[in-house]
Amino acid sequence: MPSTDDVTEGWRRMHGSNRVNGASGWICLDPQGNAYNKAVPVVELDPKIKNAVLVGLAWPLGHAPDATCPIGSDG
C-alpha cells in the first residue's frame, strides 16, 4: 500500500502526460491538486419523464482542455 506522501505526490503530478481520462474528459489538476477546467454536465429536468436529461457539457474556460492537459490561463 502506498504511503500518504506517495499518494500526495502522485496526485500533484496528474497533469500533462500524467492526466487521467475520466467519463467526461481529461481530469487535469493544478499544482494545488484542484481540478482544472473540469467538464460540468448541464442537465434539464423533464417533467414528462420526471427525470434529468443531459443537455451537454460545459467547461469553465469555454472549451475542453487540450489532450496535453496544459495548466495555464489559456487552458
PDB file of N, CA and C in Angstrom:
ATOM      1  N   MET A   1       0.847  -1.168   0.000  1.00  0.00           N
ATOM      2  CA  MET A   1       0.000   0.000   0.000  1.00  0.00           C
ATOM      3  C   MET A   1       0.897   1.236   0.000  1.00  0.00           C
ATOM      4  N   PRO A   2       0.590   2.212  -0.866  1.00  0.00           N
ATOM      5  CA  PRO A   2       1.421   3.423  -0.907  1.00  0.00           C
ATOM      6  C   PRO A   2       1.240   4.260   0.354  1.00  0.00           C
ATOM      7  N   SER A   3       2.282   4.978   0.688  1.00  0.00           N
ATOM      8  CA  SER A   3       2.209   5.873   1.847  1.00  0.00           C
ATOM      9  C   SER A   3       1.375   7.103   1.495  1.00  0.00           C
ATOM     10  N   THR A   4       0.964   7.829   2.507  1.00  0.00           N
ATOM     11  CA  THR A   4       0.213   9.072   2.289  1.00  0.00           C
ATOM     12  C   THR A   4       1.034  10.051   1.457  1.00  0.00           C
ATOM     13  N   ASP A   5       2.328  10.124   1.736  1.00  0.00           N
ATOM     14  CA  ASP A   5       3.199  11.022   0.971  1.00  0.00           C
ATOM     15  C   ASP A   5       3.267  10.612  -0.502  1.00  0.00           C
ATOM     16  N   ASP A   6       3.323   9.301  -0.769  1.00  0.00           N
ATOM     17  CA  ASP A   6       3.344   8.828  -2.159  1.00  0.00           C
ATOM     18  C   ASP A   6       2.053   9.183  -2.890  1.00  0.00           C
ATOM     19  N   VAL A   7       0.923   9.034  -2.211  1.00  0.00           N
ATOM     20  CA  VAL A   7      -0.367   9.386  -2.817  1.00  0.00           C
ATOM     21  C   VAL A   7      -0.425  10.880  -3.091  1.00  0.00           C
ATOM     22  N   THR A   8       0.009  11.680  -2.127  1.00  0.00           N
ATOM     23  CA  THR A   8       0.016  13.141  -2.296  1.00  0.00           C
ATOM     24  C   THR A   8       0.893  13.535  -3.474  1.00  0.00           C
ATOM     25  N   GLU A   9       2.066  12.947  -3.567  1.00  0.00           N
ATOM     26  CA  GLU A   9       2.983  13.277  -4.660  1.00  0.00           C
ATOM     27  C   GLU A   9       2.411  12.845  -6.010  1.00  0.00           C
ATOM     28  N   GLY A  10       1.789  11.681  -6.069  1.00  0.00           N
ATOM     29  CA  GLY A  10       1.154  11.226  -7.306  1.00  0.00           C
ATOM     30  C   GLY A  10       0.016  12.133  -7.717  1.00  0.00           C
ATOM     31  N   TRP A  11      -0.775  12.580  -6.752  1.00  0.00           N
ATOM     32  CA  TRP A  11      -1.908  13.483  -7.007  1.00  0.00           C
ATOM     33  C   TRP A  11      -1.413  14.775  -7.651  1.00  0.00           C
ATOM     34  N   ARG A  12      -0.284  15.279  -7.168  1.00  0.00           N
ATOM     35  CA  ARG A  12       0.264  16.544  -7.689  1.00  0.00           C
ATOM     36  C   ARG A  12       0.781  16.417  -9.116  1.00  0.00           C
ATOM     37  N   ARG A  13       1.027  15.204  -9.574  1.00  0.00           N
ATOM     38  CA  ARG A  13       1.560  15.004 -10.928  1.00  0.00           C
ATOM     39  C   ARG A  13       0.475  14.706 -11.956  1.00  0.00           C
ATOM     40  N   MET A  14      -0.790  14.825 -11.588  1.00  0.00           N
ATOM     41  CA  MET A  14      -1.881  14.497 -12.524  1.00  0.00           C
ATOM     42  C   MET A  14      -2.149  15.653 -13.488  1.00  0.00           C
ATOM     43  N   HIS A  15      -1.211  15.899 -14.373  1.00  0.00           N
ATOM     44  CA  HIS A  15      -1.365  16.891 -15.436  1.00  0.00           C
ATOM     45  C   HIS A  15      -0.410  16.506 -16.553  1.00  0.00           C
ATOM     46  N   GLY A  16      -0.551  17.150 -17.688  1.00  0.00           N
ATOM     47  CA  GLY A  16       0.308  16.829 -18.831  1.00  0.00           C
ATOM     48  C   GLY A  16       0.185  15.364 -19.203  1.00  0.00           C
ATOM     49  N   SER A  17       1.300  14.687 -19.355  1.00  0.00           N
ATOM     50  CA  SER A  17       1.274  13.276 -19.755  1.00  0.00           C
ATOM     51  C   SER A  17       0.726  12.367 -18.663  1.00  0.00           C
ATOM     52  N   ASN A  18       0.591  12.863 -17.442  1.00  0.00           N
ATOM     53  CA  ASN A  18       0.043  12.077 -16.332  1.00  0.00           C
ATOM     54  C   ASN A  18      -1.443  12.322 -16.125  1.00  0.00           C
ATOM     55  N   ARG A  19      -2.105  12.959 -17.086  1.00  0.00           N
ATOM     56  CA  ARG A  19      -3.535  13.235 -16.974  1.00  0.00           C
ATOM     57  C   ARG A  19      -4.314  11.928 -16.865  1.00  0.00           C
ATOM     58  N   VAL A  20      -5.548  12.032 -16.415  1.00  0.00           N
ATOM     59  CA  VAL A  20      -6.417  10.862 -16.278  1.00  0.00           C
ATOM     60  C   VAL A  20      -7.633  11.076 -17.162  1.00  0.00           C
ATOM     61  N   ASN A  21      -7.992  10.064 -17.942  1.00  0.00           N
ATOM     62  CA  ASN A  21      -9.168  10.159 -18.789  1.00  0.00           C
ATOM     63  C   ASN A  21     -10.391   9.761 -17.971  1.00  0.00           C
ATOM     64  N   GLY A  22     -11.223  10.743 -17.632  1.00  0.00           N
ATOM     65  CA  GLY A  22     -12.441  10.496 -16.876  1.00  0.00           C
ATOM     66  C   GLY A  22     -13.639  10.331 -17.800  1.00  0.00           C
ATOM     67  N   ALA A  23     -14.789  10.081 -17.226  1.00  0.00           N
ATOM     68  CA  ALA A  23     -16.009   9.862 -18.010  1.00  0.00           C
ATOM     69  C   ALA A  23     -16.391  11.078 -18.843  1.00  0.00           C
ATOM     70  N   SER A  24     -16.059  12.286 -18.365  1.00  0.00           N
ATOM     71  CA  SER A  24     -16.439  13.499 -19.087  1.00  0.00           C
ATOM     72  C   SER A  24     -15.251  14.176 -19.759  1.00  0.00           C
ATOM     73  N   GLY A  25     -14.133  13.485 -19.841  1.00  0.00           N
ATOM     74  CA  GLY A  25     -12.956  14.062 -20.483  1.00  0.00           C
ATOM     75  C   GLY A  25     -11.741  13.988 -19.571  1.00  0.00           C
ATOM     76  N   TRP A  26     -10.699  14.701 -19.961  1.00  0.00           N
ATOM     77  CA  TRP A  26      -9.467  14.695 -19.180  1.00  0.00           C
ATOM     78  C   TRP A  26      -9.704  15.261 -17.795  1.00  0.00           C
ATOM     79  N   ILE A  27      -9.045  14.677 -16.815  1.00  0.00           N
ATOM     80  CA  ILE A  27      -9.018  15.239 -15.470  1.00  0.00           C
ATOM     81  C   ILE A  27      -7.602  15.750 -15.266  1.00  0.00           C
ATOM     82  N   CYS A  28      -7.461  17.063 -15.234  1.00  0.00           N
ATOM     83  CA  CYS A  28      -6.172  17.705 -15.041  1.00  0.00           C
ATOM     84  C   CYS A  28      -6.208  18.422 -13.700  1.00  0.00           C
ATOM     85  N   LEU A  29      -5.128  18.341 -12.957  1.00  0.00           N
ATOM     86  CA  LEU A  29      -5.063  19.005 -11.664  1.00  0.00           C
ATOM     87  C   LEU A  29      -4.030  20.117 -11.703  1.00  0.00           C
ATOM     88  N   ASP A  30      -4.338  21.219 -10.998  1.00  0.00           N
ATOM     89  CA  ASP A  30      -3.379  22.307 -10.885  1.00  0.00           C
ATOM     90  C   ASP A  30      -2.353  21.944  -9.807  1.00  0.00           C
ATOM     91  N   PRO A  31      -1.332  22.777  -9.593  1.00  0.00           N
ATOM     92  CA  PRO A  31      -0.301  22.447  -8.605  1.00  0.00           C
ATOM     93  C   PRO A  31      -0.834  22.249  -7.184  1.00  0.00           C
ATOM     94  N   GLN A  32      -2.004  22.786  -6.875  1.00  0.00           N
ATOM     95  CA  GLN A  32      -2.590  22.609  -5.547  1.00  0.00           C
ATOM     96  C   GLN A  32      -3.466  21.358  -5.463  1.00  0.00           C
ATOM     97  N   GLY A  33      -3.594  20.612  -6.562  1.00  0.00           N
ATOM     98  CA  GLY A  33      -4.387  19.394  -6.566  1.00  0.00           C
ATOM     99  C   GLY A  33      -5.858  19.600  -6.859  1.00  0.00           C
ATOM    100  N   ASN A  34      -6.224  20.776  -7.358  1.00  0.00           N
ATOM    101  CA  ASN A  34      -7.616  21.060  -7.702  1.00  0.00           C
ATOM    102  C   ASN A  34      -7.867  20.774  -9.180  1.00  0.00           C
ATOM    103  N   ALA A  35      -9.052  20.267  -9.488  1.00  0.00           N
ATOM    104  CA  ALA A  35      -9.406  20.017 -10.886  1.00  0.00           C
ATOM    105  C   ALA A  35      -9.351  21.330 -11.657  1.00  0.00           C
ATOM    106  N   TYR A  36      -8.767  21.290 -12.855  1.00  0.00           N
ATOM    107  CA  TYR A  36      -8.594  22.479 -13.676  1.00  0.00           C
ATOM    108  C   TYR A  36      -9.424  22.344 -14.941  1.00  0.00           C
ATOM    109  N   ASN A  37     -10.286  23.311 -15.200  1.00  0.00           N
ATOM    110  CA  ASN A  37     -11.124  23.344 -16.397  1.00  0.00           C
ATOM    111  C   ASN A  37     -11.896  22.033 -16.569  1.00  0.00           C
ATOM    112  N   LYS A  38     -12.429  21.523 -15.479  1.00  0.00           N
ATOM    113  CA  LYS A  38     -13.156  20.246 -15.469  1.00  0.00           C
ATOM    114  C   LYS A  38     -14.531  20.410 -16.081  1.00  0.00           C
ATOM    115  N   ALA A  39     -14.910  19.458 -16.903  1.00  0.00           N
ATOM    116  CA  ALA A  39     -16.232  19.473 -17.532  1.00  0.00           C
ATOM    117  C   ALA A  39     -17.331  19.412 -16.473  1.00  0.00           C
ATOM    118  N   VAL A  40     -18.391  20.155 -16.738  1.00  0.00           N
ATOM    119  CA  VAL A  40     -19.560  20.172 -15.864  1.00  0.00           C
ATOM    120  C   VAL A  40     -20.759  19.730 -16.699  1.00  0.00           C
ATOM    121  N   PRO A  41     -21.467  18.682 -16.272  1.00  0.00           N
ATOM    122  CA  PRO A  41     -22.645  18.273 -17.037  1.00  0.00           C
ATOM    123  C   PRO A  41     -23.770  19.296 -16.892  1.00  0.00           C
ATOM    124  N   VAL A  42     -24.405  19.612 -18.004  1.00  0.00           N
ATOM    125  CA  VAL A  42     -25.557  20.517 -17.998  1.00  0.00           C
ATOM    126  C   VAL A  42     -26.792  19.650 -18.224  1.00  0.00           C
ATOM    127  N   VAL A  43     -27.717  19.704 -17.274  1.00  0.00           N
ATOM    128  CA  VAL A  43     -28.928  18.890 -17.373  1.00  0.00           C
ATOM    129  C   VAL A  43     -30.155  19.783 -17.265  1.00  0.00           C
ATOM    130  N   GLU A  44     -31.257  19.273 -17.770  1.00  0.00           N
ATOM    131  CA  GLU A  44     -32.533  19.946 -17.567  1.00  0.00           C
ATOM    132  C   GLU A  44     -33.525  18.908 -17.067  1.00  0.00           C
ATOM    133  N   LEU A  45     -34.444  19.360 -16.265  1.00  0.00           N
ATOM    134  CA  LEU A  45     -35.453  18.458 -15.734  1.00  0.00           C
ATOM    135  C   LEU A  45     -36.604  18.353 -16.721  1.00  0.00           C
ATOM    136  N   ASP A  46     -36.962  17.140 -17.062  1.00  0.00           N
ATOM    137  CA  ASP A  46     -38.057  16.887 -17.991  1.00  0.00           C
ATOM    138  C   ASP A  46     -39.257  16.399 -17.187  1.00  0.00           C
ATOM    139  N   PRO A  47     -40.293  17.239 -17.055  1.00  0.00           N
ATOM    140  CA  PRO A  47     -41.445  16.843 -16.242  1.00  0.00           C
ATOM    141  C   PRO A  47     -42.234  15.676 -16.835  1.00  0.00           C
ATOM    142  N   LYS A  48     -42.117  15.468 -18.144  1.00  0.00           N
ATOM    143  CA  LYS A  48     -42.850  14.362 -18.770  1.00  0.00           C
ATOM    144  C   LYS A  48     -42.324  13.002 -18.314  1.00  0.00           C
ATOM    145  N   ILE A  49     -41.017  12.897 -18.231  1.00  0.00           N
ATOM    146  CA  ILE A  49     -40.432  11.619 -17.811  1.00  0.00           C
ATOM    147  C   ILE A  49     -39.986  11.649 -16.348  1.00  0.00           C
ATOM    148  N   LYS A  50     -40.146  12.823 -15.723  1.00  0.00           N
ATOM    149  CA  LYS A  50     -39.780  13.006 -14.311  1.00  0.00           C
ATOM    150  C   LYS A  50     -38.338  12.578 -14.052  1.00  0.00           C
ATOM    151  N   ASN A  51     -37.466  13.119 -14.890  1.00  0.00           N
ATOM    152  CA  ASN A  51     -36.060  12.769 -14.781  1.00  0.00           C
ATOM    153  C   ASN A  51     -35.213  13.884 -15.381  1.00  0.00           C
ATOM    154  N   ALA A  52     -33.929  13.851 -15.080  1.00  0.00           N
ATOM    155  CA  ALA A  52     -32.992  14.803 -15.667  1.00  0.00           C
ATOM    156  C   ALA A  52     -32.516  14.277 -17.017  1.00  0.00           C
ATOM    157  N   VAL A  53     -32.341  15.192 -17.963  1.00  0.00           N
ATOM    158  CA  VAL A  53     -31.867  14.848 -19.303  1.00  0.00           C
ATOM    159  C   VAL A  53     -30.563  15.607 -19.543  1.00  0.00           C
ATOM    160  N   LEU A  54     -29.542  14.891 -19.989  1.00  0.00           N
ATOM    161  CA  LEU A  54     -28.260  15.526 -20.276  1.00  0.00           C
ATOM    162  C   LEU A  54     -28.391  16.413 -21.507  1.00  0.00           C
ATOM    163  N   VAL A  55     -28.076  17.689 -21.339  1.00  0.00           N
ATOM    164  CA  VAL A  55     -28.098  18.642 -22.449  1.00  0.00           C
ATOM    165  C   VAL A  55     -26.728  18.669 -23.115  1.00  0.00           C
ATOM    166  N   GLY A  56     -25.685  18.606 -22.315  1.00  0.00           N
ATOM    167  CA  GLY A  56     -24.327  18.640 -22.841  1.00  0.00           C
ATOM    168  C   GLY A  56     -23.329  18.873 -21.733  1.00  0.00           C
ATOM    169  N   LEU A  57     -22.119  19.221 -22.136  1.00  0.00           N
ATOM    170  CA  LEU A  57     -21.052  19.511 -21.187  1.00  0.00           C
ATOM    171  C   LEU A  57     -20.600  20.946 -21.368  1.00  0.00           C
ATOM    172  N   ALA A  58     -20.171  21.555 -20.279  1.00  0.00           N
ATOM    173  CA  ALA A  58     -19.629  22.914 -20.318  1.00  0.00           C
ATOM    174  C   ALA A  58     -18.319  22.918 -19.532  1.00  0.00           C
ATOM    175  N   TRP A  59     -17.427  23.818 -19.908  1.00  0.00           N
ATOM    176  CA  TRP A  59     -16.140  23.939 -19.240  1.00  0.00           C
ATOM    177  C   TRP A  59     -15.960  25.368 -18.758  1.00  0.00           C
ATOM    178  N   PRO A  60     -15.307  25.566 -17.623  1.00  0.00           N
ATOM    179  CA  PRO A  60     -15.071  26.919 -17.120  1.00  0.00           C
ATOM    180  C   PRO A  60     -14.379  27.835 -18.131  1.00  0.00           C
ATOM    181  N   LEU A  61     -13.488  27.271 -18.953  1.00  0.00           N
ATOM    182  CA  LEU A  61     -12.792  28.087 -19.955  1.00  0.00           C
ATOM    183  C   LEU A  61     -13.522  28.120 -21.288  1.00  0.00           C
ATOM    184  N   GLY A  62     -14.689  27.473 -21.368  1.00  0.00           N
ATOM    185  CA  GLY A  62     -15.494  27.515 -22.582  1.00  0.00           C
ATOM    186  C   GLY A  62     -15.183  26.432 -23.599  1.00  0.00           C
ATOM    187  N   HIS A  63     -14.194  25.580 -23.317  1.00  0.00           N
ATOM    188  CA  HIS A  63     -13.821  24.504 -24.230  1.00  0.00           C
ATOM    189  C   HIS A  63     -13.121  23.408 -23.438  1.00  0.00           C
ATOM    190  N   ALA A  64     -13.120  22.217 -24.002  1.00  0.00           N
ATOM    191  CA  ALA A  64     -12.439  21.094 -23.351  1.00  0.00           C
ATOM    192  C   ALA A  64     -10.938  21.350 -23.317  1.00  0.00           C
ATOM    193  N   PRO A  65     -10.249  20.841 -22.298  1.00  0.00           N
ATOM    194  CA  PRO A  65      -8.801  21.014 -22.276  1.00  0.00           C
ATOM    195  C   PRO A  65      -8.148  20.232 -23.405  1.00  0.00           C
ATOM    196  N   ASP A  66      -7.027  20.730 -23.850  1.00  0.00           N
ATOM    197  CA  ASP A  66      -6.238  20.058 -24.869  1.00  0.00           C
ATOM    198  C   ASP A  66      -5.768  18.705 -24.334  1.00  0.00           C
ATOM    199  N   ALA A  67      -5.492  17.768 -25.205  1.00  0.00           N
ATOM    200  CA  ALA A  67      -5.058  16.431 -24.795  1.00  0.00           C
ATOM    201  C   ALA A  67      -3.762  16.450 -23.995  1.00  0.00           C
ATOM    202  N   THR A  68      -2.985  17.530 -24.104  1.00  0.00           N
ATOM    203  CA  THR A  68      -1.754  17.628 -23.320  1.00  0.00           C
ATOM    204  C   THR A  68      -2.026  18.094 -21.907  1.00  0.00           C
ATOM    205  N   CYS A  69      -3.282  18.461 -21.631  1.00  0.00           N
ATOM    206  CA  CYS A  69      -3.702  18.840 -20.285  1.00  0.00           C
ATOM    207  C   CYS A  69      -2.891  20.024 -19.744  1.00  0.00           C
ATOM    208  N   PRO A  70      -2.787  21.100 -20.522  1.00  0.00           N
ATOM    209  CA  PRO A  70      -1.991  22.238 -20.051  1.00  0.00           C
ATOM    210  C   PRO A  70      -2.667  22.943 -18.885  1.00  0.00           C
ATOM    211  N   ILE A  71      -1.866  23.468 -18.005  1.00  0.00           N
ATOM    212  CA  ILE A  71      -2.379  24.252 -16.886  1.00  0.00           C
ATOM    213  C   ILE A  71      -1.897  25.682 -17.099  1.00  0.00           C
ATOM    214  N   GLY A  72      -2.836  26.592 -17.280  1.00  0.00           N
ATOM    215  CA  GLY A  72      -2.480  27.980 -17.503  1.00  0.00           C
ATOM    216  C   GLY A  72      -3.698  28.776 -17.881  1.00  0.00           C
ATOM    217  N   SER A  73      -3.510  30.042 -18.167  1.00  0.00           N
ATOM    218  CA  SER A  73      -4.642  30.921 -18.450  1.00  0.00           C
ATOM    219  C   SER A  73      -5.348  30.571 -19.751  1.00  0.00           C
ATOM    220  N   ASP A  74      -4.655  29.882 -20.674  1.00  0.00           N
ATOM    221  CA  ASP A  74      -5.293  29.549 -21.949  1.00  0.00           C
ATOM    222  C   ASP A  74      -5.924  28.163 -21.953  1.00  0.00           C
ATOM    223  N   GLY A  75      -5.699  27.350 -20.891  1.00  0.00           N
ATOM    224  CA  GLY A  75      -6.313  26.044 -20.726  1.00  0.00           C
ATOM    225  C   GLY A  75      -6.101  25.136 -21.861  1.00  0.00           C
TER     226      GLY A  75
END
